[in-house]
Amino acid sequence: MGFYKKNIFVDITLRKNSLDICLNLKKGSLIDPQNMARDVSKIGHWGNGDYMITMNQPQNLGHVLSLIRQSYENN
């Protein structure tokens, strides 16, 4: 699933036990103090952007939403 503002700002892929969340941001532009997002700029992946988060624990939802907001505000 992709979510748009003017461009796609986040792609979410449903997995059996997790969500893969791709943020449409260039490498170096994400502020992530918990280091949840990984750099996927040099590997193949589904989705847009240079960052991917694998979310498998609901207690991380608040931080993940703050990262998605950064992508939303920059697109």
PDB file of N, CA and C in Angstrom:
ATOM      1  N   MET A   1       0.849  -1.163   0.000  1.00  0.00           N
ATOM      2  CA  MET A   1       0.000   0.000   0.000  1.00  0.00           C
ATOM      3  C   MET A   1       0.895   1.226   0.000  1.00  0.00           C
ATOM      4  N   GLY A   2       0.525   2.212  -0.748  1.00  0.00           N
ATOM      5  CA  GLY A   2       1.248   3.470  -0.751  1.00  0.00           C
ATOM      6  C   GLY A   2       0.332   4.602  -0.332  1.00  0.00           C
ATOM      7  N   PHE A   3       0.879   5.564   0.369  1.00  0.00           N
ATOM      8  CA  PHE A   3       0.105   6.719   0.810  1.00  0.00           C
ATOM      9  C   PHE A   3       0.698   7.964   0.181  1.00  0.00           C
ATOM     10  N   TYR A   4      -0.176   8.823  -0.384  1.00  0.00           N
ATOM     11  CA  TYR A   4       0.211   9.986  -1.149  1.00  0.00           C
ATOM     12  C   TYR A   4      -0.083  11.276  -0.406  1.00  0.00           C
ATOM     13  N   LYS A   5       0.745  12.266  -0.665  1.00  0.00           N
ATOM     14  CA  LYS A   5       0.437  13.669  -0.404  1.00  0.00           C
ATOM     15  C   LYS A   5       0.407  14.268  -1.803  1.00  0.00           C
ATOM     16  N   LYS A   6       1.536  14.702  -2.321  1.00  0.00           N
ATOM     17  CA  LYS A   6       1.684  14.967  -3.754  1.00  0.00           C
ATOM     18  C   LYS A   6       2.408  13.793  -4.391  1.00  0.00           C
ATOM     19  N   ASN A   7       3.320  13.229  -3.648  1.00  0.00           N
ATOM     20  CA  ASN A   7       4.055  12.033  -4.038  1.00  0.00           C
ATOM     21  C   ASN A   7       3.800  10.971  -2.972  1.00  0.00           C
ATOM     22  N   ILE A   8       4.208   9.759  -3.273  1.00  0.00           N
ATOM     23  CA  ILE A   8       4.130   8.719  -2.252  1.00  0.00           C
ATOM     24  C   ILE A   8       5.125   9.074  -1.158  1.00  0.00           C
ATOM     25  N   PHE A   9       4.668   9.115   0.091  1.00  0.00           N
ATOM     26  CA  PHE A   9       5.586   9.412   1.195  1.00  0.00           C
ATOM     27  C   PHE A   9       5.878   8.174   2.039  1.00  0.00           C
ATOM     28  N   VAL A  10       5.043   7.135   1.943  1.00  0.00           N
ATOM     29  CA  VAL A  10       5.308   5.892   2.659  1.00  0.00           C
ATOM     30  C   VAL A  10       4.654   4.727   1.914  1.00  0.00           C
ATOM     31  N   ASP A  11       5.360   3.604   1.883  1.00  0.00           N
ATOM     32  CA  ASP A  11       4.837   2.345   1.343  1.00  0.00           C
ATOM     33  C   ASP A  11       4.841   1.327   2.471  1.00  0.00           C
ATOM     34  N   ILE A  12       3.764   0.591   2.603  1.00  0.00           N
ATOM     35  CA  ILE A  12       3.673  -0.420   3.652  1.00  0.00           C
ATOM     36  C   ILE A  12       3.409  -1.770   3.002  1.00  0.00           C
ATOM     37  N   THR A  13       4.271  -2.730   3.306  1.00  0.00           N
ATOM     38  CA  THR A  13       4.126  -4.091   2.816  1.00  0.00           C
ATOM     39  C   THR A  13       3.774  -4.981   4.001  1.00  0.00           C
ATOM     40  N   LEU A  14       2.683  -5.700   3.875  1.00  0.00           N
ATOM     41  CA  LEU A  14       2.240  -6.600   4.942  1.00  0.00           C
ATOM     42  C   LEU A  14       2.999  -7.912   4.844  1.00  0.00           C
ATOM     43  N   ARG A  15       3.573  -8.341   5.942  1.00  0.00           N
ATOM     44  CA  ARG A  15       4.250  -9.639   6.045  1.00  0.00           C
ATOM     45  C   ARG A  15       3.493 -10.499   7.054  1.00  0.00           C
ATOM     46  N   LYS A  16       3.875 -11.745   7.170  1.00  0.00           N
ATOM     47  CA  LYS A  16       3.184 -12.650   8.075  1.00  0.00           C
ATOM     48  C   LYS A  16       3.256 -12.163   9.530  1.00  0.00           C
ATOM     49  N   ASN A  17       4.422 -11.738   9.989  1.00  0.00           N
ATOM     50  CA  ASN A  17       4.612 -11.344  11.382  1.00  0.00           C
ATOM     51  C   ASN A  17       5.089  -9.911  11.557  1.00  0.00           C
ATOM     52  N   SER A  18       5.066  -9.110  10.499  1.00  0.00           N
ATOM     53  CA  SER A  18       5.582  -7.752  10.611  1.00  0.00           C
ATOM     54  C   SER A  18       5.056  -6.884   9.469  1.00  0.00           C
ATOM     55  N   LEU A  19       5.405  -5.617   9.528  1.00  0.00           N
ATOM     56  CA  LEU A  19       5.152  -4.661   8.451  1.00  0.00           C
ATOM     57  C   LEU A  19       6.493  -4.137   7.960  1.00  0.00           C
ATOM     58  N   ASP A  20       6.689  -4.068   6.659  1.00  0.00           N
ATOM     59  CA  ASP A  20       7.845  -3.384   6.089  1.00  0.00           C
ATOM     60  C   ASP A  20       7.376  -2.007   5.649  1.00  0.00           C
ATOM     61  N   ILE A  21       7.978  -0.981   6.198  1.00  0.00           N
ATOM     62  CA  ILE A  21       7.573   0.395   5.939  1.00  0.00           C
ATOM     63  C   ILE A  21       8.723   1.107   5.246  1.00  0.00           C
ATOM     64  N   CYS A  22       8.503   1.525   3.996  1.00  0.00           N
ATOM     65  CA  CYS A  22       9.515   2.259   3.234  1.00  0.00           C
ATOM     66  C   CYS A  22       9.179   3.739   3.275  1.00  0.00           C
ATOM     67  N   LEU A  23      10.161   4.544   3.686  1.00  0.00           N
ATOM     68  CA  LEU A  23       9.980   5.987   3.766  1.00  0.00           C
ATOM     69  C   LEU A  23      10.615   6.639   2.558  1.00  0.00           C
ATOM     70  N   ASN A  24       9.872   7.494   1.894  1.00  0.00           N
ATOM     71  CA  ASN A  24      10.360   8.156   0.701  1.00  0.00           C
ATOM     72  C   ASN A  24      11.196   9.378   1.095  1.00  0.00           C
ATOM     73  N   LEU A  25      12.391   9.088   1.589  1.00  0.00           N
ATOM     74  CA  LEU A  25      13.356  10.115   1.969  1.00  0.00           C
ATOM     75  C   LEU A  25      14.721   9.729   1.422  1.00  0.00           C
ATOM     76  N   LYS A  26      15.529  10.719   1.106  1.00  0.00           N
ATOM     77  CA  LYS A  26      16.892  10.467   0.645  1.00  0.00           C
ATOM     78  C   LYS A  26      17.778  10.116   1.833  1.00  0.00           C
ATOM     79  N   LYS A  27      18.799   9.332   1.555  1.00  0.00           N
ATOM     80  CA  LYS A  27      19.764   8.936   2.573  1.00  0.00           C
ATOM     81  C   LYS A  27      20.352  10.175   3.246  1.00  0.00           C
ATOM     82  N   GLY A  28      20.384  10.176   4.579  1.00  0.00           N
ATOM     83  CA  GLY A  28      20.941  11.283   5.340  1.00  0.00           C
ATOM     84  C   GLY A  28      19.927  12.327   5.772  1.00  0.00           C
ATOM     85  N   SER A  29      18.671  12.189   5.357  1.00  0.00           N
ATOM     86  CA  SER A  29      17.677  13.211   5.689  1.00  0.00           C
ATOM     87  C   SER A  29      16.723  12.795   6.815  1.00  0.00           C
ATOM     88  N   LEU A  30      16.865  11.597   7.340  1.00  0.00           N
ATOM     89  CA  LEU A  30      15.973  11.106   8.389  1.00  0.00           C
ATOM     90  C   LEU A  30      16.622  11.283   9.758  1.00  0.00           C
ATOM     91  N   ILE A  31      15.866  11.831  10.697  1.00  0.00           N
ATOM     92  CA  ILE A  31      16.321  11.947  12.084  1.00  0.00           C
ATOM     93  C   ILE A  31      15.696  10.783  12.841  1.00  0.00           C
ATOM     94  N   ASP A  32      16.525   9.810  13.208  1.00  0.00           N
ATOM     95  CA  ASP A  32      16.050   8.570  13.822  1.00  0.00           C
ATOM     96  C   ASP A  32      16.929   8.237  15.030  1.00  0.00           C
ATOM     97  N   PRO A  33      16.647   8.821  16.197  1.00  0.00           N
ATOM     98  CA  PRO A  33      17.508   8.583  17.360  1.00  0.00           C
ATOM     99  C   PRO A  33      17.513   7.133  17.854  1.00  0.00           C
ATOM    100  N   GLN A  34      16.483   6.368  17.564  1.00  0.00           N
ATOM    101  CA  GLN A  34      16.441   4.966  18.000  1.00  0.00           C
ATOM    102  C   GLN A  34      17.016   3.997  16.960  1.00  0.00           C
ATOM    103  N   ASN A  35      17.456   4.525  15.824  1.00  0.00           N
ATOM    104  CA  ASN A  35      18.047   3.720  14.746  1.00  0.00           C
ATOM    105  C   ASN A  35      17.171   2.538  14.334  1.00  0.00           C
ATOM    106  N   MET A  36      15.887   2.814  14.172  1.00  0.00           N
ATOM    107  CA  MET A  36      14.964   1.760  13.725  1.00  0.00           C
ATOM    108  C   MET A  36      15.000   1.577  12.216  1.00  0.00           C
ATOM    109  N   ALA A  37      15.234   2.650  11.489  1.00  0.00           N
ATOM    110  CA  ALA A  37      15.225   2.585  10.027  1.00  0.00           C
ATOM    111  C   ALA A  37      16.598   2.142   9.523  1.00  0.00           C
ATOM    112  N   ARG A  38      16.580   1.335   8.490  1.00  0.00           N
ATOM    113  CA  ARG A  38      17.861   0.927   7.900  1.00  0.00           C
ATOM    114  C   ARG A  38      17.983   1.509   6.499  1.00  0.00           C
ATOM    115  N   ASP A  39      19.207   1.722   6.098  1.00  0.00           N
ATOM    116  CA  ASP A  39      19.511   2.276   4.783  1.00  0.00           C
ATOM    117  C   ASP A  39      19.390   1.168   3.746  1.00  0.00           C
ATOM    118  N   VAL A  40      18.477   1.335   2.800  1.00  0.00           N
ATOM    119  CA  VAL A  40      18.295   0.350   1.735  1.00  0.00           C
ATOM    120  C   VAL A  40      18.596   0.970   0.368  1.00  0.00           C
ATOM    121  N   SER A  41      19.375   2.043   0.373  1.00  0.00           N
ATOM    122  CA  SER A  41      19.660   2.756  -0.875  1.00  0.00           C
ATOM    123  C   SER A  41      20.509   1.938  -1.837  1.00  0.00           C
ATOM    124  N   LYS A  42      21.272   0.988  -1.337  1.00  0.00           N
ATOM    125  CA  LYS A  42      22.165   0.212  -2.190  1.00  0.00           C
ATOM    126  C   LYS A  42      21.679  -1.213  -2.431  1.00  0.00           C
ATOM    127  N   ILE A  43      20.475  -1.540  -1.919  1.00  0.00           N
ATOM    128  CA  ILE A  43      19.941  -2.884  -2.135  1.00  0.00           C
ATOM    129  C   ILE A  43      18.553  -2.782  -2.756  1.00  0.00           C
ATOM    130  N   GLY A  44      18.121  -3.835  -3.381  1.00  0.00           N
ATOM    131  CA  GLY A  44      16.785  -3.852  -3.963  1.00  0.00           C
ATOM    132  C   GLY A  44      15.732  -3.983  -2.884  1.00  0.00           C
ATOM    133  N   HIS A  45      14.611  -3.300  -3.065  1.00  0.00           N
ATOM    134  CA  HIS A  45      13.515  -3.375  -2.104  1.00  0.00           C
ATOM    135  C   HIS A  45      12.241  -2.911  -2.773  1.00  0.00           C
ATOM    136  N   TRP A  46      11.130  -3.323  -2.210  1.00  0.00           N
ATOM    137  CA  TRP A  46       9.834  -2.846  -2.680  1.00  0.00           C
ATOM    138  C   TRP A  46       9.576  -1.520  -2.012  1.00  0.00           C
ATOM    139  N   GLY A  47       9.132  -0.563  -2.765  1.00  0.00           N
ATOM    140  CA  GLY A  47       8.795   0.726  -2.181  1.00  0.00           C
ATOM    141  C   GLY A  47       9.696   1.835  -2.670  1.00  0.00           C
ATOM    142  N   ASN A  48       9.423   3.038  -2.190  1.00  0.00           N
ATOM    143  CA  ASN A  48      10.155   4.241  -2.581  1.00  0.00           C
ATOM    144  C   ASN A  48      11.049   4.690  -1.440  1.00  0.00           C
ATOM    145  N   GLY A  49      12.086   5.393  -1.784  1.00  0.00           N
ATOM    146  CA  GLY A  49      12.940   5.991  -0.770  1.00  0.00           C
ATOM    147  C   GLY A  49      14.100   5.121  -0.362  1.00  0.00           C
ATOM    148  N   ASP A  50      14.931   5.688   0.517  1.00  0.00           N
ATOM    149  CA  ASP A  50      16.180   5.053   0.920  1.00  0.00           C
ATOM    150  C   ASP A  50      16.138   4.436   2.313  1.00  0.00           C
ATOM    151  N   TYR A  51      14.976   4.447   2.966  1.00  0.00           N
ATOM    152  CA  TYR A  51      14.877   3.907   4.329  1.00  0.00           C
ATOM    153  C   TYR A  51      13.752   2.890   4.443  1.00  0.00           C
ATOM    154  N   MET A  52      14.011   1.835   5.228  1.00  0.00           N
ATOM    155  CA  MET A  52      12.995   0.827   5.500  1.00  0.00           C
ATOM    156  C   MET A  52      12.979   0.522   6.993  1.00  0.00           C
ATOM    157  N   ILE A  53      11.773   0.366   7.516  1.00  0.00           N
ATOM    158  CA  ILE A  53      11.567  -0.020   8.900  1.00  0.00           C
ATOM    159  C   ILE A  53      10.810  -1.338   8.886  1.00  0.00           C
ATOM    160  N   THR A  54      11.283  -2.308   9.637  1.00  0.00           N
ATOM    161  CA  THR A  54      10.535  -3.539   9.849  1.00  0.00           C
ATOM    162  C   THR A  54       9.920  -3.442  11.231  1.00  0.00           C
ATOM    163  N   MET A  55       8.605  -3.334  11.252  1.00  0.00           N
ATOM    164  CA  MET A  55       7.906  -3.164  12.520  1.00  0.00           C
ATOM    165  C   MET A  55       7.253  -4.473  12.917  1.00  0.00           C
ATOM    166  N   ASN A  56       7.685  -5.020  14.066  1.00  0.00           N
ATOM    167  CA  ASN A  56       7.100  -6.263  14.550  1.00  0.00           C
ATOM    168  C   ASN A  56       6.728  -6.196  16.028  1.00  0.00           C
ATOM    169  N   GLN A  57       6.848  -4.997  16.617  1.00  0.00           N
ATOM    170  CA  GLN A  57       6.483  -4.813  18.019  1.00  0.00           C
ATOM    171  C   GLN A  57       5.608  -3.573  18.147  1.00  0.00           C
ATOM    172  N   PRO A  58       4.378  -3.721  18.642  1.00  0.00           N
ATOM    173  CA  PRO A  58       3.452  -2.582  18.702  1.00  0.00           C
ATOM    174  C   PRO A  58       3.917  -1.444  19.604  1.00  0.00           C
ATOM    175  N   GLN A  59       4.795  -1.705  20.567  1.00  0.00           N
ATOM    176  CA  GLN A  59       5.249  -0.626  21.435  1.00  0.00           C
ATOM    177  C   GLN A  59       6.133   0.383  20.699  1.00  0.00           C
ATOM    178  N   ASN A  60       6.586   0.061  19.495  1.00  0.00           N
ATOM    179  CA  ASN A  60       7.393   0.987  18.701  1.00  0.00           C
ATOM    180  C   ASN A  60       6.546   1.897  17.824  1.00  0.00           C
ATOM    181  N   LEU A  61       5.236   1.773  17.887  1.00  0.00           N
ATOM    182  CA  LEU A  61       4.348   2.510  16.987  1.00  0.00           C
ATOM    183  C   LEU A  61       4.542   4.024  17.070  1.00  0.00           C
ATOM    184  N   GLY A  62       4.686   4.579  18.254  1.00  0.00           N
ATOM    185  CA  GLY A  62       4.857   6.027  18.398  1.00  0.00           C
ATOM    186  C   GLY A  62       6.080   6.540  17.656  1.00  0.00           C
ATOM    187  N   HIS A  63       7.201   5.842  17.792  1.00  0.00           N
ATOM    188  CA  HIS A  63       8.424   6.268  17.101  1.00  0.00           C
ATOM    189  C   HIS A  63       8.288   6.097  15.589  1.00  0.00           C
ATOM    190  N   VAL A  64       7.686   5.002  15.170  1.00  0.00           N
ATOM    191  CA  VAL A  64       7.496   4.760  13.738  1.00  0.00           C
ATOM    192  C   VAL A  64       6.613   5.854  13.133  1.00  0.00           C
ATOM    193  N   LEU A  65       5.559   6.241  13.833  1.00  0.00           N
ATOM    194  CA  LEU A  65       4.694   7.314  13.332  1.00  0.00           C
ATOM    195  C   LEU A  65       5.450   8.641  13.222  1.00  0.00           C
ATOM    196  N   SER A  66       6.390   8.910  14.131  1.00  0.00           N
ATOM    197  CA  SER A  66       7.185  10.138  14.022  1.00  0.00           C
ATOM    198  C   SER A  66       8.096  10.095  12.802  1.00  0.00           C
ATOM    199  N   LEU A  67       8.592   8.924  12.440  1.00  0.00           N
ATOM    200  CA  LEU A  67       9.419   8.788  11.237  1.00  0.00           C
ATOM    201  C   LEU A  67       8.570   8.957   9.980  1.00  0.00           C
ATOM    202  N   ILE A  68       7.365   8.395   9.990  1.00  0.00           N
ATOM    203  CA  ILE A  68       6.454   8.558   8.850  1.00  0.00           C
ATOM    204  C   ILE A  68       6.083  10.031   8.690  1.00  0.00           C
ATOM    205  N   ARG A  69       5.879  10.735   9.801  1.00  0.00           N
ATOM    206  CA  ARG A  69       5.555  12.166   9.745  1.00  0.00           C
ATOM    207  C   ARG A  69       6.686  12.961   9.080  1.00  0.00           C
ATOM    208  N   GLN A  70       7.934  12.595   9.348  1.00  0.00           N
ATOM    209  CA  GLN A  70       9.064  13.270   8.702  1.00  0.00           C
ATOM    210  C   GLN A  70       8.984  13.097   7.188  1.00  0.00           C
ATOM    211  N   SER A  71       8.652  11.898   6.737  1.00  0.00           N
ATOM    212  CA  SER A  71       8.526  11.652   5.309  1.00  0.00           C
ATOM    213  C   SER A  71       7.356  12.437   4.731  1.00  0.00           C
ATOM    214  N   TYR A  72       6.231  12.481   5.447  1.00  0.00           N
ATOM    215  CA  TYR A  72       5.059  13.229   5.006  1.00  0.00           C
ATOM    216  C   TYR A  72       5.388  14.713   4.854  1.00  0.00           C
ATOM    217  N   GLU A  73       6.081  15.281   5.833  1.00  0.00           N
ATOM    218  CA  GLU A  73       6.397  16.712   5.800  1.00  0.00           C
ATOM    219  C   GLU A  73       7.430  17.072   4.730  1.00  0.00           C
ATOM    220  N   ASN A  74       8.252  16.116   4.332  1.00  0.00           N
ATOM    221  CA  ASN A  74       9.282  16.383   3.326  1.00  0.00           C
ATOM    222  C   ASN A  74       8.830  16.068   1.911  1.00  0.00           C
ATOM    223  N   ASN A  75       7.627  15.564   1.744  1.00  0.00           N
ATOM    224  CA  ASN A  75       7.121  15.256   0.401  1.00  0.00           C
ATOM    225  C   ASN A  75       5.990  16.163   0.099  1.00  0.00           C
TER     226      ASN A  75
END
